[in-house]
Amino acid sequence: MKRDWEELTATSYHDSVTEIKEAFENQEFDEVSAGLNALLESMSQELRRTLKSQLVRLMEHIIKWRIQPGNRSKSWQISIRDARNNLFDIMETKPSLNRRHLEEIWDASFLRAVENAEEETDLKNTVDVLSWQDVFETPYRVSNP
């Protein structure tokens, strides 16, 4: 039986695996191969979307950190650390989603982060650029009075 693997993998990984298993049991090896390829591609796309979302989130928090120094909090500090850790975890899980890939999506991610930060704060962004160091190495800590 021919299946629409693209549609299936876009809607449910569980159902996709169930269908692949059924195809395997029925010795429909072309379908198994097609299903596995579609599933791997879908999962890879999801990781890329998640990576970009986390990069935007991280940049947004750093922009807000800079344009609203009076609103800095432990919560922001933890959000920056958490987003960094999530990005590093994704890059560890999928080595092709590395620094080179991040640099490819950097500018578009920065623009989206600026839009989000401006909308959330109702302030005009004054940050022209974020470097790799700004995003991944600079410590962001709330000073204790």
C-alpha atoms as a PDB file:
ATOM      1  CA  MET A   1       0.000   0.000   0.000  1.00  0.00           C
ATOM      2  CA  LYS A   2       1.385   3.419  -0.984  1.00  0.00           C
ATOM      3  CA  ARG A   3       1.410   5.957   1.844  1.00  0.00           C
ATOM      4  CA  ASP A   4       1.688   9.737   1.945  1.00  0.00           C
ATOM      5  CA  TRP A   5       4.784   9.796   4.155  1.00  0.00           C
ATOM      6  CA  GLU A   6       5.229  13.544   3.985  1.00  0.00           C
ATOM      7  CA  GLU A   7       1.723  14.145   5.331  1.00  0.00           C
ATOM      8  CA  LEU A   8       2.003  11.382   7.896  1.00  0.00           C
ATOM      9  CA  THR A   9       5.354  12.515   9.302  1.00  0.00           C
ATOM     10  CA  ALA A  10       4.130  16.103   9.438  1.00  0.00           C
ATOM     11  CA  THR A  11       1.185  15.136  11.621  1.00  0.00           C
ATOM     12  CA  SER A  12       2.377  12.323  13.900  1.00  0.00           C
ATOM     13  CA  TYR A  13       5.698  10.640  14.566  1.00  0.00           C
ATOM     14  CA  HIS A  14       3.917   7.884  16.468  1.00  0.00           C
ATOM     15  CA  ASP A  15       1.575   7.120  13.578  1.00  0.00           C
ATOM     16  CA  SER A  16       4.517   7.264  11.182  1.00  0.00           C
ATOM     17  CA  VAL A  17       6.467   4.683  13.151  1.00  0.00           C
ATOM     18  CA  THR A  18       3.359   2.495  13.403  1.00  0.00           C
ATOM     19  CA  GLU A  19       2.928   2.638   9.615  1.00  0.00           C
ATOM     20  CA  ILE A  20       6.634   1.916   9.042  1.00  0.00           C
ATOM     21  CA  LYS A  21       6.358  -1.089  11.354  1.00  0.00           C
ATOM     22  CA  GLU A  22       3.287  -2.315   9.466  1.00  0.00           C
ATOM     23  CA  ALA A  23       5.066  -1.879   6.133  1.00  0.00           C
ATOM     24  CA  PHE A  24       8.028  -3.812   7.499  1.00  0.00           C
ATOM     25  CA  GLU A  25       5.807  -6.643   8.726  1.00  0.00           C
ATOM     26  CA  ASN A  26       4.207  -6.763   5.263  1.00  0.00           C
ATOM     27  CA  GLN A  27       7.692  -6.800   3.690  1.00  0.00           C
ATOM     28  CA  GLU A  28       6.980  -3.536   1.832  1.00  0.00           C
ATOM     29  CA  PHE A  29      10.612  -2.528   2.025  1.00  0.00           C
ATOM     30  CA  ASP A  30      10.334   0.339  -0.468  1.00  0.00           C
ATOM     31  CA  GLU A  31       7.632   1.824   1.787  1.00  0.00           C
ATOM     32  CA  VAL A  32       9.790   1.234   4.874  1.00  0.00           C
ATOM     33  CA  SER A  33      12.665   3.065   3.222  1.00  0.00           C
ATOM     34  CA  ALA A  34      10.442   5.924   2.056  1.00  0.00           C
ATOM     35  CA  GLY A  35       8.842   6.182   5.486  1.00  0.00           C
ATOM     36  CA  LEU A  36      12.157   6.214   7.344  1.00  0.00           C
ATOM     37  CA  ASN A  37      13.577   8.845   4.985  1.00  0.00           C
ATOM     38  CA  ALA A  38      10.500  11.052   5.400  1.00  0.00           C
ATOM     39  CA  LEU A  39      10.564  10.602   9.176  1.00  0.00           C
ATOM     40  CA  LEU A  40      14.248  11.489   9.417  1.00  0.00           C
ATOM     41  CA  GLU A  41      13.744  14.571   7.242  1.00  0.00           C
ATOM     42  CA  SER A  42      10.743  15.703   9.283  1.00  0.00           C
ATOM     43  CA  MET A  43      12.601  15.259  12.564  1.00  0.00           C
ATOM     44  CA  SER A  44      15.600  17.134  11.193  1.00  0.00           C
ATOM     45  CA  GLN A  45      13.377  20.025  10.062  1.00  0.00           C
ATOM     46  CA  GLU A  46      11.788  20.139  13.499  1.00  0.00           C
ATOM     47  CA  LEU A  47      15.207  20.366  15.145  1.00  0.00           C
ATOM     48  CA  ARG A  48      16.186  23.198  12.777  1.00  0.00           C
ATOM     49  CA  ARG A  49      12.977  25.090  13.638  1.00  0.00           C
ATOM     50  CA  THR A  50      13.573  24.524  17.338  1.00  0.00           C
ATOM     51  CA  LEU A  51      17.176  25.679  17.043  1.00  0.00           C
ATOM     52  CA  LYS A  52      16.117  28.875  15.281  1.00  0.00           C
ATOM     53  CA  SER A  53      13.344  29.488  17.802  1.00  0.00           C
ATOM     54  CA  GLN A  54      15.790  29.130  20.686  1.00  0.00           C
ATOM     55  CA  LEU A  55      18.300  31.448  18.989  1.00  0.00           C
ATOM     56  CA  VAL A  56      15.598  34.087  18.487  1.00  0.00           C
ATOM     57  CA  ARG A  57      14.486  33.686  22.113  1.00  0.00           C
ATOM     58  CA  LEU A  58      18.068  34.051  23.351  1.00  0.00           C
ATOM     59  CA  MET A  59      18.745  37.112  21.219  1.00  0.00           C
ATOM     60  CA  GLU A  60      15.450  38.659  22.289  1.00  0.00           C
ATOM     61  CA  HIS A  61      16.351  38.303  25.961  1.00  0.00           C
ATOM     62  CA  ILE A  62      19.779  39.827  25.380  1.00  0.00           C
ATOM     63  CA  ILE A  63      18.266  42.760  23.489  1.00  0.00           C
ATOM     64  CA  LYS A  64      15.779  43.331  26.316  1.00  0.00           C
ATOM     65  CA  TRP A  65      18.658  43.047  28.818  1.00  0.00           C
ATOM     66  CA  ARG A  66      20.406  45.880  27.012  1.00  0.00           C
ATOM     67  CA  ILE A  67      17.472  48.198  26.311  1.00  0.00           C
ATOM     68  CA  GLN A  68      15.803  47.764  29.708  1.00  0.00           C
ATOM     69  CA  PRO A  69      18.640  47.724  32.244  1.00  0.00           C
ATOM     70  CA  GLY A  70      16.254  48.702  35.029  1.00  0.00           C
ATOM     71  CA  ASN A  71      14.135  45.590  34.471  1.00  0.00           C
ATOM     72  CA  ARG A  72      16.919  43.029  34.679  1.00  0.00           C
ATOM     73  CA  SER A  73      16.016  40.133  36.906  1.00  0.00           C
ATOM     74  CA  LYS A  74      17.103  36.657  37.940  1.00  0.00           C
ATOM     75  CA  SER A  75      14.333  35.408  35.672  1.00  0.00           C
ATOM     76  CA  TRP A  76      15.963  37.043  32.634  1.00  0.00           C
ATOM     77  CA  GLN A  77      19.362  35.743  33.705  1.00  0.00           C
ATOM     78  CA  ILE A  78      17.962  32.211  33.945  1.00  0.00           C
ATOM     79  CA  SER A  79      16.141  32.556  30.600  1.00  0.00           C
ATOM     80  CA  ILE A  80      19.402  33.504  28.879  1.00  0.00           C
ATOM     81  CA  ARG A  81      21.244  30.574  30.465  1.00  0.00           C
ATOM     82  CA  ASP A  82      18.368  28.197  29.656  1.00  0.00           C
ATOM     83  CA  ALA A  83      18.212  29.251  26.001  1.00  0.00           C
ATOM     84  CA  ARG A  84      21.992  28.842  25.682  1.00  0.00           C
ATOM     85  CA  ASN A  85      21.817  25.380  27.201  1.00  0.00           C
ATOM     86  CA  ASN A  86      18.949  24.374  24.899  1.00  0.00           C
ATOM     87  CA  LEU A  87      20.938  25.513  21.865  1.00  0.00           C
ATOM     88  CA  PHE A  88      24.033  23.622  22.988  1.00  0.00           C
ATOM     89  CA  ASP A  89      21.918  20.509  23.617  1.00  0.00           C
ATOM     90  CA  ILE A  90      20.460  20.667  20.092  1.00  0.00           C
ATOM     91  CA  MET A  91      23.903  21.167  18.556  1.00  0.00           C
ATOM     92  CA  GLU A  92      25.197  18.185  20.530  1.00  0.00           C
ATOM     93  CA  THR A  93      22.269  16.034  19.396  1.00  0.00           C
ATOM     94  CA  LYS A  94      22.597  17.008  15.742  1.00  0.00           C
ATOM     95  CA  PRO A  95      26.210  17.928  14.868  1.00  0.00           C
ATOM     96  CA  SER A  96      25.222  19.401  11.487  1.00  0.00           C
ATOM     97  CA  LEU A  97      23.345  22.104  13.418  1.00  0.00           C
ATOM     98  CA  ASN A  98      26.580  23.746  14.432  1.00  0.00           C
ATOM     99  CA  ARG A  99      28.086  27.214  14.591  1.00  0.00           C
ATOM    100  CA  ARG A 100      28.197  27.407  10.797  1.00  0.00           C
ATOM    101  CA  HIS A 101      24.463  26.713  10.621  1.00  0.00           C
ATOM    102  CA  LEU A 102      23.754  29.292  13.334  1.00  0.00           C
ATOM    103  CA  GLU A 103      25.756  31.869  11.416  1.00  0.00           C
ATOM    104  CA  GLU A 104      23.647  31.128   8.325  1.00  0.00           C
ATOM    105  CA  ILE A 105      20.423  31.935  10.200  1.00  0.00           C
ATOM    106  CA  TRP A 106      21.945  34.662  12.411  1.00  0.00           C
ATOM    107  CA  ASP A 107      20.718  37.785  10.597  1.00  0.00           C
ATOM    108  CA  ALA A 108      17.147  36.564  10.112  1.00  0.00           C
ATOM    109  CA  SER A 109      17.036  35.429  13.729  1.00  0.00           C
ATOM    110  CA  PHE A 110      18.335  38.801  14.914  1.00  0.00           C
ATOM    111  CA  LEU A 111      15.653  40.666  12.946  1.00  0.00           C
ATOM    112  CA  ARG A 112      12.920  38.486  14.417  1.00  0.00           C
ATOM    113  CA  ALA A 113      14.380  38.961  17.927  1.00  0.00           C
ATOM    114  CA  VAL A 114      14.387  42.754  17.443  1.00  0.00           C
ATOM    115  CA  GLU A 115      10.729  42.687  16.369  1.00  0.00           C
ATOM    116  CA  ASN A 116       9.787  40.548  19.366  1.00  0.00           C
ATOM    117  CA  ALA A 117      11.738  42.681  21.847  1.00  0.00           C
ATOM    118  CA  GLU A 118      10.280  45.936  20.521  1.00  0.00           C
ATOM    119  CA  GLU A 119       6.753  44.562  20.622  1.00  0.00           C
ATOM    120  CA  GLU A 120       7.155  43.183  24.125  1.00  0.00           C
ATOM    121  CA  THR A 121       8.810  46.281  25.612  1.00  0.00           C
ATOM    122  CA  ASP A 122       7.153  49.029  23.539  1.00  0.00           C
ATOM    123  CA  LEU A 123      10.662  50.466  23.154  1.00  0.00           C
ATOM    124  CA  LYS A 124      12.688  51.163  20.042  1.00  0.00           C
ATOM    125  CA  ASN A 125      15.627  48.810  19.748  1.00  0.00           C
ATOM    126  CA  THR A 126      19.058  50.431  20.101  1.00  0.00           C
ATOM    127  CA  VAL A 127      21.094  47.251  19.591  1.00  0.00           C
ATOM    128  CA  ASP A 128      22.529  47.244  16.073  1.00  0.00           C
ATOM    129  CA  VAL A 129      24.196  43.860  16.182  1.00  0.00           C
ATOM    130  CA  LEU A 130      24.827  40.903  18.433  1.00  0.00           C
ATOM    131  CA  SER A 131      28.111  39.044  18.087  1.00  0.00           C
ATOM    132  CA  TRP A 132      28.755  35.399  18.827  1.00  0.00           C
ATOM    133  CA  GLN A 133      30.449  36.509  22.040  1.00  0.00           C
ATOM    134  CA  ASP A 134      27.421  38.633  23.031  1.00  0.00           C
ATOM    135  CA  VAL A 135      25.077  35.708  22.535  1.00  0.00           C
ATOM    136  CA  PHE A 136      27.100  32.748  23.774  1.00  0.00           C
ATOM    137  CA  GLU A 137      29.949  33.961  25.953  1.00  0.00           C
ATOM    138  CA  THR A 138      29.132  37.221  27.697  1.00  0.00           C
ATOM    139  CA  PRO A 139      27.923  36.616  31.246  1.00  0.00           C
ATOM    140  CA  TYR A 140      24.541  38.138  32.046  1.00  0.00           C
ATOM    141  CA  ARG A 141      24.147  38.355  35.792  1.00  0.00           C
ATOM    142  CA  VAL A 142      21.980  40.493  37.976  1.00  0.00           C
ATOM    143  CA  SER A 143      24.075  42.432  40.461  1.00  0.00           C
ATOM    144  CA  ASN A 144      23.094  41.948  44.066  1.00  0.00           C
ATOM    145  CA  PRO A 145      22.727  45.290  45.869  1.00  0.00           C
END
